[in-house]
Amino acid sequence: MKFSAFLLAVFIFNSGFAQNRQWSIGAAALYTTEADIYYNPNAADPALRNSATSLPDIISPSLQITWQLGHDLDLLFEAEWQRTTYTTLRTVLVNSEVNRMAVVDGYEVFPIELDLVYRLPFKPGNFTFFIGGGVGYYFGRHIRQAGQNLSETRERTLNYGIQTLLGTEYRIMNAVSATFGMKFRDAQIKMKNRYTQDTFLIKGETVSFGPRDFDSKVNLNGIVFFLGIKSYF
């Protein structure tokens, strides 16, 4: 009964308020083909400075708010949460002896992007095609764990970037649409990190990871595919 009432409310909402909508809110799932982590971004040696680990196939959610500026022009605000990790071996000191230990490494980033979107004039059926671009701000932290959090990000530079996007929107109902498309961005997030302790007690052994302070950089340079749904109001 409650579900039927919900469907009825959606139908009335779509039927009664179909025209002259200026705002929409929606959610999307994003697939990023890859991102790179640089562990020595400030090294003097170019080979070491440019050495990176690529992390493929990253899934992330986002919230999207659109404001219609004109007949075919929109302003799109998008807030995303992206987190990915992998297991790697690091050289450490275990009870003052050199050894290798498996640790979980990765990053967590919150991209905040603002785009100007142009809806192309040809609209076959319920489809609308769009292109756009804009700027983004990227706030992130480095993740390093071994059964516990090992480090924290203490400083971040102002990480700005630009992006372009294109896609299509399919009108499911008068006030509900599905969107699909892709975007291209090349954002860099530079971070200064510190181990939370000089040594850690891990599985009964004293472990040191070296100097407490270390730098890292994340480059979101992969192609992003997105699939979402939004409601106009």
C-alpha atoms as a PDB file:
ATOM      1  CA  MET A   1       0.000   0.000   0.000  1.00  0.00           C
ATOM      2  CA  LYS A   2       2.765   2.456   0.933  1.00  0.00           C
ATOM      3  CA  PHE A   3       4.663   1.638  -2.271  1.00  0.00           C
ATOM      4  CA  SER A   4       1.499   2.213  -4.358  1.00  0.00           C
ATOM      5  CA  ALA A   5       0.980   5.571  -2.661  1.00  0.00           C
ATOM      6  CA  PHE A   6       4.568   6.483  -3.445  1.00  0.00           C
ATOM      7  CA  LEU A   7       4.113   5.629  -7.140  1.00  0.00           C
ATOM      8  CA  LEU A   8       0.916   7.681  -7.222  1.00  0.00           C
ATOM      9  CA  ALA A   9       2.703  10.651  -5.675  1.00  0.00           C
ATOM     10  CA  VAL A  10       5.492  10.408  -8.262  1.00  0.00           C
ATOM     11  CA  PHE A  11       2.915  10.289 -11.083  1.00  0.00           C
ATOM     12  CA  ILE A  12       1.068  13.351  -9.767  1.00  0.00           C
ATOM     13  CA  PHE A  13       4.338  15.208  -9.290  1.00  0.00           C
ATOM     14  CA  ASN A  14       5.374  14.473 -12.858  1.00  0.00           C
ATOM     15  CA  SER A  15       1.982  15.243 -14.381  1.00  0.00           C
ATOM     16  CA  GLY A  16       1.273  18.464 -12.532  1.00  0.00           C
ATOM     17  CA  PHE A  17       4.647  20.149 -12.592  1.00  0.00           C
ATOM     18  CA  ALA A  18       6.161  19.231 -15.914  1.00  0.00           C
ATOM     19  CA  GLN A  19       6.947  22.636 -17.368  1.00  0.00           C
ATOM     20  CA  ASN A  20       9.408  25.446 -16.640  1.00  0.00           C
ATOM     21  CA  ARG A  21      11.633  23.537 -14.255  1.00  0.00           C
ATOM     22  CA  GLN A  22      14.825  25.416 -13.372  1.00  0.00           C
ATOM     23  CA  TRP A  23      16.492  23.008 -10.925  1.00  0.00           C
ATOM     24  CA  SER A  24      17.309  19.335 -10.778  1.00  0.00           C
ATOM     25  CA  ILE A  25      18.953  17.110  -8.210  1.00  0.00           C
ATOM     26  CA  GLY A  26      20.332  13.659  -8.827  1.00  0.00           C
ATOM     27  CA  ALA A  27      22.879  10.968  -8.060  1.00  0.00           C
ATOM     28  CA  ALA A  28      25.349   9.177 -10.285  1.00  0.00           C
ATOM     29  CA  ALA A  29      27.735   6.245 -10.279  1.00  0.00           C
ATOM     30  CA  LEU A  30      31.140   7.034 -11.798  1.00  0.00           C
ATOM     31  CA  TYR A  31      33.699   4.651 -13.246  1.00  0.00           C
ATOM     32  CA  THR A  32      37.251   6.026 -13.533  1.00  0.00           C
ATOM     33  CA  THR A  33      39.535   3.993 -15.768  1.00  0.00           C
ATOM     34  CA  GLU A  34      42.637   4.694 -13.670  1.00  0.00           C
ATOM     35  CA  ALA A  35      44.459   6.991 -11.266  1.00  0.00           C
ATOM     36  CA  ASP A  36      48.155   7.264 -10.430  1.00  0.00           C
ATOM     37  CA  ILE A  37      49.891   7.571  -7.039  1.00  0.00           C
ATOM     38  CA  TYR A  38      53.356   9.162  -6.909  1.00  0.00           C
ATOM     39  CA  TYR A  39      55.377   8.320  -3.806  1.00  0.00           C
ATOM     40  CA  ASN A  40      58.329  10.638  -4.474  1.00  0.00           C
ATOM     41  CA  PRO A  41      56.798  13.703  -6.183  1.00  0.00           C
ATOM     42  CA  ASN A  42      59.548  16.048  -4.963  1.00  0.00           C
ATOM     43  CA  ALA A  43      62.570  13.852  -5.677  1.00  0.00           C
ATOM     44  CA  ALA A  44      65.506  15.437  -7.504  1.00  0.00           C
ATOM     45  CA  ASP A  45      65.904  12.369  -9.728  1.00  0.00           C
ATOM     46  CA  PRO A  46      63.373  12.687 -12.613  1.00  0.00           C
ATOM     47  CA  ALA A  47      63.006   8.908 -12.910  1.00  0.00           C
ATOM     48  CA  LEU A  48      62.119   8.595  -9.239  1.00  0.00           C
ATOM     49  CA  ARG A  49      59.942  11.703  -9.286  1.00  0.00           C
ATOM     50  CA  ASN A  50      57.892  10.450 -12.259  1.00  0.00           C
ATOM     51  CA  SER A  51      57.582   6.865 -11.035  1.00  0.00           C
ATOM     52  CA  ALA A  52      53.956   6.044 -10.190  1.00  0.00           C
ATOM     53  CA  THR A  53      51.638   3.174  -9.340  1.00  0.00           C
ATOM     54  CA  SER A  54      48.480   2.981 -11.464  1.00  0.00           C
ATOM     55  CA  LEU A  55      45.211   1.986  -9.822  1.00  0.00           C
ATOM     56  CA  PRO A  56      42.560   0.855 -12.341  1.00  0.00           C
ATOM     57  CA  ASP A  57      38.773   0.473 -12.290  1.00  0.00           C
ATOM     58  CA  ILE A  58      37.636   2.930  -9.626  1.00  0.00           C
ATOM     59  CA  ILE A  59      33.922   3.179  -8.763  1.00  0.00           C
ATOM     60  CA  SER A  60      32.630   6.261  -6.936  1.00  0.00           C
ATOM     61  CA  PRO A  61      29.278   7.939  -6.149  1.00  0.00           C
ATOM     62  CA  SER A  62      28.369  11.584  -6.681  1.00  0.00           C
ATOM     63  CA  LEU A  63      25.624  14.101  -5.976  1.00  0.00           C
ATOM     64  CA  GLN A  64      24.604  16.455  -8.814  1.00  0.00           C
ATOM     65  CA  ILE A  65      22.649  19.720  -8.695  1.00  0.00           C
ATOM     66  CA  THR A  66      21.758  21.536 -11.921  1.00  0.00           C
ATOM     67  CA  TRP A  67      20.485  25.081 -12.361  1.00  0.00           C
ATOM     68  CA  GLN A  68      19.030  26.068 -15.724  1.00  0.00           C
ATOM     69  CA  LEU A  69      20.602  29.365 -16.773  1.00  0.00           C
ATOM     70  CA  GLY A  70      18.868  29.622 -20.149  1.00  0.00           C
ATOM     71  CA  HIS A  71      16.946  27.651 -22.727  1.00  0.00           C
ATOM     72  CA  ASP A  72      19.907  25.374 -23.549  1.00  0.00           C
ATOM     73  CA  LEU A  73      22.454  26.317 -20.871  1.00  0.00           C
ATOM     74  CA  ASP A  74      22.869  24.746 -17.427  1.00  0.00           C
ATOM     75  CA  LEU A  75      25.168  25.182 -14.458  1.00  0.00           C
ATOM     76  CA  LEU A  76      26.124  21.803 -12.983  1.00  0.00           C
ATOM     77  CA  PHE A  77      27.487  21.337  -9.458  1.00  0.00           C
ATOM     78  CA  GLU A  78      28.846  17.882  -8.620  1.00  0.00           C
ATOM     79  CA  ALA A  79      30.284  16.536  -5.359  1.00  0.00           C
ATOM     80  CA  GLU A  80      32.004  13.146  -5.569  1.00  0.00           C
ATOM     81  CA  TRP A  81      33.577  10.733  -3.100  1.00  0.00           C
ATOM     82  CA  GLN A  82      36.383   8.557  -4.457  1.00  0.00           C
ATOM     83  CA  ARG A  83      38.365   6.041  -2.421  1.00  0.00           C
ATOM     84  CA  THR A  84      40.591   3.214  -3.584  1.00  0.00           C
ATOM     85  CA  THR A  85      43.307   1.072  -2.000  1.00  0.00           C
ATOM     86  CA  TYR A  86      45.610  -1.793  -2.874  1.00  0.00           C
ATOM     87  CA  THR A  87      48.016  -4.083  -1.019  1.00  0.00           C
ATOM     88  CA  THR A  88      51.732  -3.615  -1.577  1.00  0.00           C
ATOM     89  CA  LEU A  89      55.020  -4.666   0.018  1.00  0.00           C
ATOM     90  CA  ARG A  90      57.100  -1.989   1.733  1.00  0.00           C
ATOM     91  CA  THR A  91      60.624  -2.160   3.105  1.00  0.00           C
ATOM     92  CA  VAL A  92      60.488  -1.717   6.880  1.00  0.00           C
ATOM     93  CA  LEU A  93      62.519  -2.341  10.011  1.00  0.00           C
ATOM     94  CA  VAL A  94      61.095  -5.199  12.063  1.00  0.00           C
ATOM     95  CA  ASN A  95      62.782  -5.380  15.481  1.00  0.00           C
ATOM     96  CA  SER A  96      65.642  -3.318  13.946  1.00  0.00           C
ATOM     97  CA  GLU A  97      66.102  -5.748  11.021  1.00  0.00           C
ATOM     98  CA  VAL A  98      65.288  -4.945   7.387  1.00  0.00           C
ATOM     99  CA  ASN A  99      62.239  -6.820   6.163  1.00  0.00           C
ATOM    100  CA  ARG A 100      59.268  -6.544   3.813  1.00  0.00           C
ATOM    101  CA  MET A 101      55.722  -6.057   5.051  1.00  0.00           C
ATOM    102  CA  ALA A 102      52.344  -5.997   3.323  1.00  0.00           C
ATOM    103  CA  VAL A 103      50.519  -2.696   3.808  1.00  0.00           C
ATOM    104  CA  VAL A 104      47.323  -1.241   2.402  1.00  0.00           C
ATOM    105  CA  ASP A 105      48.015   1.929   0.445  1.00  0.00           C
ATOM    106  CA  GLY A 106      45.765   4.289  -1.472  1.00  0.00           C
ATOM    107  CA  TYR A 107      43.883   7.547  -1.277  1.00  0.00           C
ATOM    108  CA  GLU A 108      40.555   9.203  -0.551  1.00  0.00           C
ATOM    109  CA  VAL A 109      39.555  12.240  -2.624  1.00  0.00           C
ATOM    110  CA  PHE A 110      36.532  14.539  -2.635  1.00  0.00           C
ATOM    111  CA  PRO A 111      36.234  16.224  -6.058  1.00  0.00           C
ATOM    112  CA  ILE A 112      34.018  19.324  -6.121  1.00  0.00           C
ATOM    113  CA  GLU A 113      33.338  20.411  -9.715  1.00  0.00           C
ATOM    114  CA  LEU A 114      31.387  23.208 -11.361  1.00  0.00           C
ATOM    115  CA  ASP A 115      30.545  22.906 -15.075  1.00  0.00           C
ATOM    116  CA  LEU A 116      28.818  25.000 -17.696  1.00  0.00           C
ATOM    117  CA  VAL A 117      26.728  22.599 -19.789  1.00  0.00           C
ATOM    118  CA  TYR A 118      25.281  23.304 -23.236  1.00  0.00           C
ATOM    119  CA  ARG A 119      22.360  21.185 -24.406  1.00  0.00           C
ATOM    120  CA  LEU A 120      22.658  20.629 -28.153  1.00  0.00           C
ATOM    121  CA  PRO A 121      19.658  21.814 -30.220  1.00  0.00           C
ATOM    122  CA  PHE A 122      18.821  18.458 -31.838  1.00  0.00           C
ATOM    123  CA  LYS A 123      16.659  16.305 -29.533  1.00  0.00           C
ATOM    124  CA  PRO A 124      15.497  13.029 -31.096  1.00  0.00           C
ATOM    125  CA  GLY A 125      12.564  11.640 -29.124  1.00  0.00           C
ATOM    126  CA  ASN A 126      13.194  11.763 -25.394  1.00  0.00           C
ATOM    127  CA  PHE A 127      16.951  12.153 -25.825  1.00  0.00           C
ATOM    128  CA  THR A 128      18.979  15.309 -25.231  1.00  0.00           C
ATOM    129  CA  PHE A 129      22.714  15.542 -25.936  1.00  0.00           C
ATOM    130  CA  PHE A 130      25.031  17.869 -24.051  1.00  0.00           C
ATOM    131  CA  ILE A 131      28.643  19.024 -23.855  1.00  0.00           C
ATOM    132  CA  GLY A 132      30.365  21.137 -21.247  1.00  0.00           C
ATOM    133  CA  GLY A 133      33.372  21.916 -19.141  1.00  0.00           C
ATOM    134  CA  GLY A 134      34.465  23.673 -16.015  1.00  0.00           C
ATOM    135  CA  VAL A 135      36.756  23.767 -13.009  1.00  0.00           C
ATOM    136  CA  GLY A 136      37.169  21.562  -9.968  1.00  0.00           C
ATOM    137  CA  TYR A 137      38.654  21.607  -6.490  1.00  0.00           C
ATOM    138  CA  TYR A 138      40.080  18.365  -5.100  1.00  0.00           C
ATOM    139  CA  PHE A 139      40.467  17.672  -1.390  1.00  0.00           C
ATOM    140  CA  GLY A 140      42.124  14.421  -0.407  1.00  0.00           C
ATOM    141  CA  ARG A 141      44.182  12.333   1.963  1.00  0.00           C
ATOM    142  CA  HIS A 142      46.700   9.523   1.692  1.00  0.00           C
ATOM    143  CA  ILE A 143      45.749   6.123   3.116  1.00  0.00           C
ATOM    144  CA  ARG A 144      48.353   3.780   4.606  1.00  0.00           C
ATOM    145  CA  GLN A 145      47.255   0.941   6.878  1.00  0.00           C
ATOM    146  CA  ALA A 146      48.560  -2.307   8.363  1.00  0.00           C
ATOM    147  CA  GLY A 147      45.779  -3.457  10.643  1.00  0.00           C
ATOM    148  CA  GLN A 148      45.596   0.141  11.866  1.00  0.00           C
ATOM    149  CA  ASN A 149      45.903   3.639  10.433  1.00  0.00           C
ATOM    150  CA  LEU A 150      49.602   4.362  10.067  1.00  0.00           C
ATOM    151  CA  SER A 151      49.649   7.893   8.698  1.00  0.00           C
ATOM    152  CA  GLU A 152      47.705  11.125   8.433  1.00  0.00           C
ATOM    153  CA  THR A 153      47.711  13.875   5.815  1.00  0.00           C
ATOM    154  CA  ARG A 154      48.837  17.102   7.478  1.00  0.00           C
ATOM    155  CA  GLU A 155      49.109  19.532   4.569  1.00  0.00           C
ATOM    156  CA  ARG A 156      47.422  19.840   1.184  1.00  0.00           C
ATOM    157  CA  THR A 157      48.072  22.299  -1.604  1.00  0.00           C
ATOM    158  CA  LEU A 158      45.197  24.087  -3.328  1.00  0.00           C
ATOM    159  CA  ASN A 159      44.388  21.407  -5.875  1.00  0.00           C
ATOM    160  CA  TYR A 160      42.498  22.858  -8.800  1.00  0.00           C
ATOM    161  CA  GLY A 161      41.824  21.314 -12.198  1.00  0.00           C
ATOM    162  CA  ILE A 162      39.729  21.591 -15.318  1.00  0.00           C
ATOM    163  CA  GLN A 163      37.504  19.039 -17.003  1.00  0.00           C
ATOM    164  CA  THR A 164      35.358  18.555 -20.075  1.00  0.00           C
ATOM    165  CA  LEU A 165      32.305  16.340 -20.414  1.00  0.00           C
ATOM    166  CA  LEU A 166      29.779  15.067 -22.937  1.00  0.00           C
ATOM    167  CA  GLY A 167      26.772  12.824 -22.692  1.00  0.00           C
ATOM    168  CA  THR A 168      23.100  12.232 -23.233  1.00  0.00           C
ATOM    169  CA  GLU A 169      19.965  12.577 -21.128  1.00  0.00           C
ATOM    170  CA  TYR A 170      16.905  10.388 -21.553  1.00  0.00           C
ATOM    171  CA  ARG A 171      13.619  11.722 -20.206  1.00  0.00           C
ATOM    172  CA  ILE A 172      11.919   8.810 -18.406  1.00  0.00           C
ATOM    173  CA  MET A 173       9.049  10.909 -17.088  1.00  0.00           C
ATOM    174  CA  ASN A 174       8.316  14.606 -17.254  1.00  0.00           C
ATOM    175  CA  ALA A 175      10.333  15.295 -14.112  1.00  0.00           C
ATOM    176  CA  VAL A 176      12.720  12.322 -14.078  1.00  0.00           C
ATOM    177  CA  SER A 177      15.661  11.697 -16.419  1.00  0.00           C
ATOM    178  CA  ALA A 178      18.537   9.266 -16.748  1.00  0.00           C
ATOM    179  CA  THR A 179      21.957  10.508 -17.821  1.00  0.00           C
ATOM    180  CA  PHE A 180      24.953   8.770 -19.333  1.00  0.00           C
ATOM    181  CA  GLY A 181      28.224  10.207 -20.506  1.00  0.00           C
ATOM    182  CA  MET A 182      31.930  10.645 -19.992  1.00  0.00           C
ATOM    183  CA  LYS A 183      34.300  13.294 -18.746  1.00  0.00           C
ATOM    184  CA  PHE A 184      37.993  13.992 -19.113  1.00  0.00           C
ATOM    185  CA  ARG A 185      40.039  15.504 -16.292  1.00  0.00           C
ATOM    186  CA  ASP A 186      43.661  15.680 -15.216  1.00  0.00           C
ATOM    187  CA  ALA A 187      43.540  16.709 -11.559  1.00  0.00           C
ATOM    188  CA  GLN A 188      46.560  16.473  -9.256  1.00  0.00           C
ATOM    189  CA  ILE A 189      46.330  16.275  -5.461  1.00  0.00           C
ATOM    190  CA  LYS A 190      49.594  16.954  -3.611  1.00  0.00           C
ATOM    191  CA  MET A 191      49.833  15.903   0.030  1.00  0.00           C
ATOM    192  CA  LYS A 192      52.290  16.061   2.913  1.00  0.00           C
ATOM    193  CA  ASN A 193      51.844  13.119   5.257  1.00  0.00           C
ATOM    194  CA  ARG A 194      53.236  11.894   8.562  1.00  0.00           C
ATOM    195  CA  TYR A 195      53.292   8.544  10.325  1.00  0.00           C
ATOM    196  CA  THR A 196      51.295   8.821  13.525  1.00  0.00           C
ATOM    197  CA  GLN A 197      54.127   7.197  15.552  1.00  0.00           C
ATOM    198  CA  ASP A 198      57.860   6.573  15.257  1.00  0.00           C
ATOM    199  CA  THR A 199      57.282   2.832  15.610  1.00  0.00           C
ATOM    200  CA  PHE A 200      54.235   0.566  15.597  1.00  0.00           C
ATOM    201  CA  LEU A 201      53.481  -2.662  17.417  1.00  0.00           C
ATOM    202  CA  ILE A 202      52.178  -5.005  14.698  1.00  0.00           C
ATOM    203  CA  LYS A 203      51.545  -8.682  15.464  1.00  0.00           C
ATOM    204  CA  GLY A 204      53.760  -8.446  18.529  1.00  0.00           C
ATOM    205  CA  GLU A 205      56.710  -6.936  16.656  1.00  0.00           C
ATOM    206  CA  THR A 206      58.112  -3.400  16.650  1.00  0.00           C
ATOM    207  CA  VAL A 207      57.949  -1.974  13.143  1.00  0.00           C
ATOM    208  CA  SER A 208      59.462   1.247  11.785  1.00  0.00           C
ATOM    209  CA  PHE A 209      58.533   2.619   8.357  1.00  0.00           C
ATOM    210  CA  GLY A 210      61.417   5.073   8.111  1.00  0.00           C
ATOM    211  CA  PRO A 211      61.241   8.890   8.290  1.00  0.00           C
ATOM    212  CA  ARG A 212      57.962  10.065   9.777  1.00  0.00           C
ATOM    213  CA  ASP A 213      57.267  12.672   7.086  1.00  0.00           C
ATOM    214  CA  PHE A 214      56.633  11.703   3.466  1.00  0.00           C
ATOM    215  CA  ASP A 215      55.102  13.352   0.410  1.00  0.00           C
ATOM    216  CA  SER A 216      52.700  11.874  -2.115  1.00  0.00           C
ATOM    217  CA  LYS A 217      50.666  12.925  -5.115  1.00  0.00           C
ATOM    218  CA  VAL A 218      47.521  11.525  -6.736  1.00  0.00           C
ATOM    219  CA  ASN A 219      46.785  12.155 -10.398  1.00  0.00           C
ATOM    220  CA  LEU A 220      43.169  11.585 -11.491  1.00  0.00           C
ATOM    221  CA  ASN A 221      44.047  11.263 -15.153  1.00  0.00           C
ATOM    222  CA  GLY A 222      41.710   8.502 -16.310  1.00  0.00           C
ATOM    223  CA  ILE A 223      38.565   8.784 -18.388  1.00  0.00           C
ATOM    224  CA  VAL A 224      35.400   8.950 -16.264  1.00  0.00           C
ATOM    225  CA  PHE A 225      32.135   7.301 -17.344  1.00  0.00           C
ATOM    226  CA  PHE A 226      28.984   8.195 -15.441  1.00  0.00           C
ATOM    227  CA  LEU A 227      25.438   6.852 -15.192  1.00  0.00           C
ATOM    228  CA  GLY A 228      22.894   8.763 -13.153  1.00  0.00           C
ATOM    229  CA  ILE A 229      19.325   9.708 -12.505  1.00  0.00           C
ATOM    230  CA  LYS A 230      17.905  13.121 -11.629  1.00  0.00           C
ATOM    231  CA  SER A 231      14.608  14.760 -10.796  1.00  0.00           C
ATOM    232  CA  TYR A 232      13.499  18.230 -11.909  1.00  0.00           C
ATOM    233  CA  PHE A 233      11.633  20.615  -9.651  1.00  0.00           C
END
